[in-house]
Amino acid sequence: MSERKFPPFTEIGMFSLSLIVIGGIYLSAHIPQHVPLGLPIALLIASAALVVINVAMLTRVPDFNWPRFFQVGKWALAAYLFTAALIEYAFLRNHLKGGPLVILTLSLLVYAVQVPAMIAFTVARYDTPPGAGANDSRLHSAASRP
């Protein structure tokens, strides 16, 4: 039995998130003084590009269980948007303004999309795609066992 081949979705997602964390730590280390924004902007762009590449590679997987991906992803997205909103509130409450606020807000958006996508991918990759169950001989032999 051979396992289906998937792109390195989780690995790329974790790398994307690590870029966001590095940018956030860099910004936090400079606040409340002037924050040089070049590095955090570059890290944010690279992280967002990885999210796009990740999803693009996943769309090329044949017979991927998209219904399960979206079923799990929408609830995970709701939860992570809520946590991102709480973190954003903390930024606003602490009077963060300007470029650092924009970069951290966009970084939170990447976080709030990437993590639910990884959760949904993990569930969908191990679930049987719709319509595949009738053709899968392993399911029939397992069901006929006492």
N, C-alpha and C. Protein backbone atom coordinates (compact mmCIF):
# COMPACT_ATOMS: atom_id res chain seq x y z
N MET A 1 0.85 -1.18 0.00
CA MET A 1 0.00 0.00 0.00
C MET A 1 0.89 1.24 0.00
N SER A 2 0.70 2.09 -0.95
CA SER A 2 1.50 3.31 -1.02
C SER A 2 0.64 4.50 -0.59
N GLU A 3 1.27 5.39 0.14
CA GLU A 3 0.57 6.58 0.61
C GLU A 3 0.56 7.63 -0.49
N ARG A 4 -0.52 8.41 -0.52
CA ARG A 4 -0.62 9.47 -1.53
C ARG A 4 0.47 10.49 -1.31
N LYS A 5 0.89 11.10 -2.40
CA LYS A 5 1.95 12.10 -2.35
C LYS A 5 1.34 13.49 -2.23
N PHE A 6 1.76 14.22 -1.21
CA PHE A 6 1.29 15.59 -0.98
C PHE A 6 2.48 16.53 -0.99
N PRO A 7 2.23 17.79 -1.32
CA PRO A 7 3.32 18.78 -1.23
C PRO A 7 3.65 19.00 0.25
N PRO A 8 4.80 19.60 0.53
CA PRO A 8 5.19 19.84 1.93
C PRO A 8 4.41 21.01 2.53
N PHE A 9 3.10 20.87 2.58
CA PHE A 9 2.21 21.95 3.00
C PHE A 9 2.50 22.40 4.44
N THR A 10 2.60 21.45 5.35
CA THR A 10 2.83 21.79 6.75
C THR A 10 4.20 22.41 6.96
N GLU A 11 5.21 21.86 6.29
CA GLU A 11 6.56 22.38 6.45
C GLU A 11 6.67 23.82 5.94
N ILE A 12 6.09 24.07 4.78
CA ILE A 12 6.11 25.43 4.23
C ILE A 12 5.30 26.36 5.11
N GLY A 13 4.17 25.87 5.62
CA GLY A 13 3.35 26.68 6.52
C GLY A 13 4.09 27.05 7.79
N MET A 14 4.83 26.11 8.36
CA MET A 14 5.60 26.41 9.57
C MET A 14 6.73 27.40 9.27
N PHE A 15 7.34 27.28 8.10
CA PHE A 15 8.38 28.24 7.73
C PHE A 15 7.77 29.63 7.57
N SER A 16 6.59 29.70 6.96
CA SER A 16 5.88 30.97 6.80
C SER A 16 5.60 31.59 8.17
N LEU A 17 5.12 30.78 9.10
CA LEU A 17 4.83 31.29 10.44
C LEU A 17 6.10 31.72 11.17
N SER A 18 7.19 31.00 10.96
CA SER A 18 8.44 31.40 11.62
C SER A 18 8.93 32.76 11.12
N LEU A 19 8.70 33.05 9.84
CA LEU A 19 9.07 34.38 9.33
C LEU A 19 8.24 35.47 10.00
N ILE A 20 6.95 35.18 10.22
CA ILE A 20 6.08 36.14 10.91
C ILE A 20 6.56 36.38 12.35
N VAL A 21 6.93 35.31 13.03
CA VAL A 21 7.40 35.42 14.41
C VAL A 21 8.70 36.22 14.48
N ILE A 22 9.62 35.94 13.56
CA ILE A 22 10.88 36.69 13.53
C ILE A 22 10.61 38.18 13.33
N GLY A 23 9.73 38.51 12.39
CA GLY A 23 9.38 39.92 12.16
C GLY A 23 8.73 40.55 13.38
N GLY A 24 7.85 39.81 14.05
CA GLY A 24 7.20 40.34 15.26
C GLY A 24 8.18 40.57 16.39
N ILE A 25 9.11 39.66 16.56
CA ILE A 25 10.12 39.83 17.61
C ILE A 25 11.02 41.02 17.29
N TYR A 26 11.38 41.15 16.03
CA TYR A 26 12.22 42.27 15.62
C TYR A 26 11.52 43.60 15.91
N LEU A 27 10.23 43.68 15.53
CA LEU A 27 9.48 44.91 15.80
C LEU A 27 9.36 45.17 17.30
N SER A 28 9.03 44.15 18.06
CA SER A 28 8.86 44.30 19.50
C SER A 28 10.14 44.74 20.19
N ALA A 29 11.28 44.29 19.67
CA ALA A 29 12.55 44.66 20.28
C ALA A 29 12.86 46.15 20.11
N HIS A 30 12.25 46.80 19.11
CA HIS A 30 12.54 48.21 18.85
C HIS A 30 11.49 49.16 19.41
N ILE A 31 10.31 48.67 19.73
CA ILE A 31 9.25 49.54 20.23
C ILE A 31 9.58 49.93 21.67
N PRO A 32 9.45 51.13 22.12
CA PRO A 32 8.73 52.27 21.57
C PRO A 32 9.60 53.23 20.77
N GLN A 33 10.89 52.91 20.55
CA GLN A 33 11.71 53.79 19.73
C GLN A 33 11.34 53.61 18.26
N HIS A 34 12.06 54.34 17.40
CA HIS A 34 11.86 54.24 15.96
C HIS A 34 12.16 52.80 15.52
N VAL A 35 11.28 52.25 14.71
CA VAL A 35 11.45 50.87 14.23
C VAL A 35 11.84 50.89 12.77
N PRO A 36 13.03 50.34 12.43
CA PRO A 36 13.36 50.19 11.02
C PRO A 36 12.44 49.12 10.41
N LEU A 37 11.71 49.46 9.36
CA LEU A 37 10.67 48.59 8.84
C LEU A 37 11.09 47.70 7.68
N GLY A 38 12.28 47.87 7.17
CA GLY A 38 12.71 47.10 6.00
C GLY A 38 12.66 45.59 6.21
N LEU A 39 13.30 45.12 7.27
CA LEU A 39 13.32 43.68 7.53
C LEU A 39 11.92 43.11 7.82
N PRO A 40 11.13 43.74 8.68
CA PRO A 40 9.79 43.19 8.91
C PRO A 40 8.91 43.16 7.66
N ILE A 41 9.05 44.16 6.80
CA ILE A 41 8.27 44.18 5.55
C ILE A 41 8.72 43.03 4.64
N ALA A 42 10.02 42.83 4.53
CA ALA A 42 10.54 41.74 3.70
C ALA A 42 10.08 40.38 4.23
N LEU A 43 10.11 40.20 5.54
CA LEU A 43 9.67 38.94 6.14
C LEU A 43 8.17 38.73 5.94
N LEU A 44 7.39 39.79 6.05
CA LEU A 44 5.95 39.69 5.84
C LEU A 44 5.64 39.32 4.38
N ILE A 45 6.31 39.95 3.44
CA ILE A 45 6.10 39.64 2.02
C ILE A 45 6.48 38.20 1.73
N ALA A 46 7.62 37.77 2.25
CA ALA A 46 8.06 36.38 2.04
C ALA A 46 7.05 35.40 2.65
N SER A 47 6.56 35.71 3.83
CA SER A 47 5.60 34.83 4.49
C SER A 47 4.29 34.75 3.72
N ALA A 48 3.79 35.89 3.27
CA ALA A 48 2.55 35.91 2.49
C ALA A 48 2.73 35.17 1.16
N ALA A 49 3.89 35.33 0.55
CA ALA A 49 4.17 34.62 -0.70
C ALA A 49 4.18 33.11 -0.47
N LEU A 50 4.71 32.68 0.66
CA LEU A 50 4.71 31.24 0.98
C LEU A 50 3.29 30.71 1.16
N VAL A 51 2.42 31.52 1.75
CA VAL A 51 1.02 31.10 1.89
C VAL A 51 0.39 30.89 0.52
N VAL A 52 0.61 31.82 -0.39
CA VAL A 52 0.06 31.72 -1.74
C VAL A 52 0.64 30.51 -2.47
N ILE A 53 1.94 30.32 -2.38
CA ILE A 53 2.59 29.17 -3.02
C ILE A 53 2.06 27.87 -2.43
N ASN A 54 1.89 27.84 -1.13
CA ASN A 54 1.39 26.65 -0.44
C ASN A 54 0.01 26.25 -0.95
N VAL A 55 -0.88 27.21 -1.03
CA VAL A 55 -2.24 26.92 -1.51
C VAL A 55 -2.21 26.53 -2.98
N ALA A 56 -1.39 27.20 -3.76
CA ALA A 56 -1.29 26.88 -5.19
C ALA A 56 -0.80 25.44 -5.39
N MET A 57 0.17 25.01 -4.60
CA MET A 57 0.64 23.63 -4.71
C MET A 57 -0.44 22.64 -4.29
N LEU A 58 -1.21 22.99 -3.28
CA LEU A 58 -2.26 22.09 -2.81
C LEU A 58 -3.37 21.94 -3.84
N THR A 59 -3.64 22.99 -4.60
CA THR A 59 -4.70 22.89 -5.61
C THR A 59 -4.34 21.91 -6.73
N ARG A 60 -3.08 21.56 -6.85
CA ARG A 60 -2.64 20.65 -7.90
C ARG A 60 -2.69 19.18 -7.48
N VAL A 61 -3.07 18.92 -6.23
CA VAL A 61 -3.16 17.54 -5.74
C VAL A 61 -4.45 16.92 -6.27
N PRO A 62 -4.34 15.80 -6.99
CA PRO A 62 -5.55 15.18 -7.52
C PRO A 62 -6.36 14.51 -6.41
N ASP A 63 -7.67 14.59 -6.53
CA ASP A 63 -8.60 13.95 -5.59
C ASP A 63 -8.40 14.38 -4.14
N PHE A 64 -8.00 15.63 -3.93
CA PHE A 64 -7.88 16.13 -2.56
C PHE A 64 -9.28 16.35 -2.02
N ASN A 65 -9.47 16.11 -0.75
CA ASN A 65 -10.79 16.21 -0.13
C ASN A 65 -11.10 17.68 0.24
N TRP A 66 -11.43 18.46 -0.77
CA TRP A 66 -11.71 19.89 -0.55
C TRP A 66 -12.93 20.13 0.33
N PRO A 67 -14.00 19.35 0.21
CA PRO A 67 -15.14 19.59 1.11
C PRO A 67 -14.75 19.48 2.59
N ARG A 68 -13.94 18.47 2.94
CA ARG A 68 -13.51 18.33 4.33
C ARG A 68 -12.55 19.45 4.71
N PHE A 69 -11.67 19.84 3.77
CA PHE A 69 -10.73 20.94 4.02
C PHE A 69 -11.50 22.21 4.40
N PHE A 70 -12.53 22.54 3.61
CA PHE A 70 -13.28 23.76 3.88
C PHE A 70 -14.17 23.63 5.11
N GLN A 71 -14.68 22.44 5.36
CA GLN A 71 -15.51 22.23 6.55
C GLN A 71 -14.69 22.48 7.82
N VAL A 72 -13.50 21.93 7.88
CA VAL A 72 -12.65 22.12 9.05
C VAL A 72 -12.06 23.53 9.05
N GLY A 73 -11.64 23.98 7.86
CA GLY A 73 -10.97 25.27 7.76
C GLY A 73 -11.83 26.45 8.18
N LYS A 74 -13.13 26.41 7.87
CA LYS A 74 -13.96 27.57 8.22
C LYS A 74 -14.08 27.76 9.73
N TRP A 75 -14.15 26.64 10.47
CA TRP A 75 -14.26 26.77 11.93
C TRP A 75 -12.92 27.14 12.55
N ALA A 76 -11.86 26.59 12.03
CA ALA A 76 -10.53 26.97 12.52
C ALA A 76 -10.24 28.43 12.19
N LEU A 77 -10.66 28.87 11.00
CA LEU A 77 -10.48 30.27 10.62
C LEU A 77 -11.24 31.19 11.57
N ALA A 78 -12.45 30.83 11.91
CA ALA A 78 -13.23 31.65 12.85
C ALA A 78 -12.51 31.77 14.19
N ALA A 79 -11.97 30.67 14.69
CA ALA A 79 -11.26 30.69 15.97
C ALA A 79 -10.00 31.53 15.89
N TYR A 80 -9.24 31.38 14.82
CA TYR A 80 -7.98 32.11 14.72
C TYR A 80 -8.19 33.59 14.38
N LEU A 81 -9.25 33.92 13.67
CA LEU A 81 -9.56 35.34 13.47
C LEU A 81 -9.93 35.99 14.80
N PHE A 82 -10.62 35.23 15.65
CA PHE A 82 -10.97 35.75 16.97
C PHE A 82 -9.70 36.01 17.80
N THR A 83 -8.77 35.05 17.82
CA THR A 83 -7.55 35.27 18.59
C THR A 83 -6.71 36.40 17.98
N ALA A 84 -6.69 36.51 16.66
CA ALA A 84 -5.97 37.61 16.02
C ALA A 84 -6.59 38.95 16.38
N ALA A 85 -7.92 38.99 16.46
CA ALA A 85 -8.60 40.23 16.85
C ALA A 85 -8.26 40.61 18.29
N LEU A 86 -8.15 39.64 19.16
CA LEU A 86 -7.76 39.93 20.55
C LEU A 86 -6.35 40.50 20.62
N ILE A 87 -5.45 39.93 19.84
CA ILE A 87 -4.08 40.45 19.82
C ILE A 87 -4.05 41.85 19.21
N GLU A 88 -4.83 42.06 18.15
CA GLU A 88 -4.93 43.38 17.53
C GLU A 88 -5.46 44.40 18.54
N TYR A 89 -6.43 44.00 19.32
CA TYR A 89 -6.97 44.89 20.36
C TYR A 89 -5.87 45.30 21.34
N ALA A 90 -5.02 44.34 21.71
CA ALA A 90 -3.92 44.67 22.62
C ALA A 90 -2.97 45.68 21.98
N PHE A 91 -2.71 45.54 20.68
CA PHE A 91 -1.86 46.51 20.00
C PHE A 91 -2.48 47.90 20.05
N LEU A 92 -3.76 47.98 19.75
CA LEU A 92 -4.44 49.27 19.73
C LEU A 92 -4.54 49.86 21.14
N ARG A 93 -4.80 49.01 22.10
CA ARG A 93 -4.92 49.47 23.51
C ARG A 93 -3.60 50.04 24.01
N ASN A 94 -2.49 49.50 23.48
CA ASN A 94 -1.18 49.99 23.88
C ASN A 94 -0.66 51.09 22.96
N HIS A 95 -1.58 51.68 22.19
CA HIS A 95 -1.31 52.87 21.37
C HIS A 95 -0.24 52.65 20.30
N LEU A 96 -0.19 51.46 19.73
CA LEU A 96 0.72 51.21 18.62
C LEU A 96 0.13 51.89 17.39
N LYS A 97 0.98 52.59 16.63
CA LYS A 97 0.50 53.36 15.48
C LYS A 97 1.44 53.20 14.30
N GLY A 98 0.96 53.67 13.16
CA GLY A 98 1.79 53.79 11.97
C GLY A 98 2.21 52.47 11.35
N GLY A 99 3.42 52.50 10.79
CA GLY A 99 3.97 51.35 10.08
C GLY A 99 4.03 50.07 10.91
N PRO A 100 4.51 50.15 12.16
CA PRO A 100 4.54 48.92 12.96
C PRO A 100 3.15 48.30 13.15
N LEU A 101 2.13 49.13 13.32
CA LEU A 101 0.77 48.59 13.48
C LEU A 101 0.31 47.92 12.19
N VAL A 102 0.58 48.53 11.06
CA VAL A 102 0.18 47.94 9.77
C VAL A 102 0.88 46.60 9.56
N ILE A 103 2.17 46.55 9.81
CA ILE A 103 2.93 45.31 9.60
C ILE A 103 2.45 44.22 10.55
N LEU A 104 2.25 44.57 11.81
CA LEU A 104 1.78 43.55 12.77
C LEU A 104 0.35 43.11 12.46
N THR A 105 -0.49 44.00 11.97
CA THR A 105 -1.86 43.63 11.60
C THR A 105 -1.84 42.67 10.42
N LEU A 106 -1.03 42.97 9.41
CA LEU A 106 -0.94 42.07 8.26
C LEU A 106 -0.30 40.74 8.66
N SER A 107 0.64 40.78 9.58
CA SER A 107 1.24 39.54 10.08
C SER A 107 0.21 38.69 10.81
N LEU A 108 -0.66 39.34 11.57
CA LEU A 108 -1.75 38.61 12.24
C LEU A 108 -2.69 37.99 11.22
N LEU A 109 -2.91 38.68 10.13
CA LEU A 109 -3.77 38.13 9.09
C LEU A 109 -3.15 36.88 8.46
N VAL A 110 -1.86 36.92 8.20
CA VAL A 110 -1.17 35.73 7.67
C VAL A 110 -1.29 34.59 8.68
N TYR A 111 -1.05 34.88 9.95
CA TYR A 111 -1.19 33.88 11.02
C TYR A 111 -2.60 33.30 11.05
N ALA A 112 -3.60 34.17 10.95
CA ALA A 112 -5.00 33.75 11.06
C ALA A 112 -5.47 32.96 9.84
N VAL A 113 -4.72 32.99 8.75
CA VAL A 113 -5.06 32.19 7.57
C VAL A 113 -4.21 30.92 7.50
N GLN A 114 -2.93 31.05 7.79
CA GLN A 114 -2.01 29.92 7.63
C GLN A 114 -2.29 28.79 8.63
N VAL A 115 -2.49 29.12 9.88
CA VAL A 115 -2.71 28.06 10.89
C VAL A 115 -3.99 27.27 10.60
N PRO A 116 -5.13 27.92 10.35
CA PRO A 116 -6.32 27.13 9.99
C PRO A 116 -6.14 26.29 8.72
N ALA A 117 -5.39 26.82 7.76
CA ALA A 117 -5.13 26.05 6.54
C ALA A 117 -4.34 24.79 6.87
N MET A 118 -3.37 24.89 7.77
CA MET A 118 -2.60 23.71 8.15
C MET A 118 -3.45 22.71 8.92
N ILE A 119 -4.32 23.20 9.77
CA ILE A 119 -5.23 22.31 10.50
C ILE A 119 -6.14 21.59 9.53
N ALA A 120 -6.74 22.34 8.61
CA ALA A 120 -7.67 21.76 7.64
C ALA A 120 -6.95 20.78 6.72
N PHE A 121 -5.73 21.09 6.32
CA PHE A 121 -4.96 20.18 5.47
C PHE A 121 -4.69 18.87 6.19
N THR A 122 -4.31 18.96 7.45
CA THR A 122 -4.00 17.76 8.21
C THR A 122 -5.21 16.84 8.31
N VAL A 123 -6.38 17.40 8.50
CA VAL A 123 -7.59 16.57 8.56
C VAL A 123 -7.94 16.03 7.18
N ALA A 124 -7.94 16.88 6.17
CA ALA A 124 -8.38 16.48 4.83
C ALA A 124 -7.44 15.47 4.18
N ARG A 125 -6.17 15.53 4.48
CA ARG A 125 -5.24 14.60 3.83
C ARG A 125 -5.45 13.17 4.27
N TYR A 126 -5.97 12.97 5.49
CA TYR A 126 -6.18 11.61 5.99
C TYR A 126 -7.62 11.14 5.85
N ASP A 127 -8.49 12.00 5.35
CA ASP A 127 -9.88 11.63 5.15
C ASP A 127 -10.05 11.11 3.72
N THR A 128 -10.97 10.20 3.54
CA THR A 128 -11.24 9.66 2.21
C THR A 128 -11.98 10.70 1.38
N PRO A 129 -11.49 10.99 0.17
CA PRO A 129 -12.18 11.96 -0.68
C PRO A 129 -13.59 11.48 -1.02
N PRO A 130 -14.53 12.40 -1.22
CA PRO A 130 -15.89 11.99 -1.59
C PRO A 130 -15.89 11.17 -2.87
N GLY A 131 -16.64 10.06 -2.86
CA GLY A 131 -16.74 9.21 -4.03
C GLY A 131 -15.65 8.17 -4.13
N ALA A 132 -14.59 8.28 -3.31
CA ALA A 132 -13.49 7.31 -3.39
C ALA A 132 -13.79 6.06 -2.57
N GLY A 133 -14.70 6.16 -1.62
CA GLY A 133 -14.99 5.03 -0.74
C GLY A 133 -15.57 3.84 -1.47
N ALA A 134 -16.37 4.04 -2.50
CA ALA A 134 -17.00 2.94 -3.22
C ALA A 134 -15.99 2.16 -4.04
N ASN A 135 -14.90 2.79 -4.45
CA ASN A 135 -13.90 2.13 -5.27
C ASN A 135 -12.73 1.58 -4.47
N ASP A 136 -12.72 1.81 -3.17
CA ASP A 136 -11.59 1.42 -2.34
C ASP A 136 -11.80 0.01 -1.82
N SER A 137 -11.02 -0.94 -2.32
CA SER A 137 -11.19 -2.34 -1.93
C SER A 137 -10.83 -2.57 -0.48
N ARG A 138 -9.97 -1.73 0.10
CA ARG A 138 -9.60 -1.90 1.51
C ARG A 138 -10.81 -1.67 2.40
N LEU A 139 -11.68 -0.74 2.04
CA LEU A 139 -12.86 -0.48 2.84
C LEU A 139 -13.82 -1.66 2.80
N HIS A 140 -13.99 -2.28 1.62
CA HIS A 140 -14.88 -3.41 1.49
C HIS A 140 -14.38 -4.62 2.28
N SER A 141 -13.05 -4.86 2.21
CA SER A 141 -12.53 -6.01 2.93
C SER A 141 -12.58 -5.78 4.44
N ALA A 142 -12.38 -4.56 4.89
CA ALA A 142 -12.46 -4.27 6.33
C ALA A 142 -13.89 -4.37 6.83
N ALA A 143 -14.84 -3.97 6.00
CA ALA A 143 -16.23 -4.02 6.42
C ALA A 143 -16.77 -5.44 6.49
N SER A 144 -16.18 -6.37 5.72
CA SER A 144 -16.69 -7.73 5.70
C SER A 144 -16.10 -8.60 6.80
N ARG A 145 -15.12 -8.06 7.53
CA ARG A 145 -14.52 -8.83 8.63
C ARG A 145 -15.49 -8.88 9.82
N PRO A 146 -15.46 -10.01 10.57
CA PRO A 146 -16.33 -10.11 11.76
C PRO A 146 -15.87 -9.25 12.90
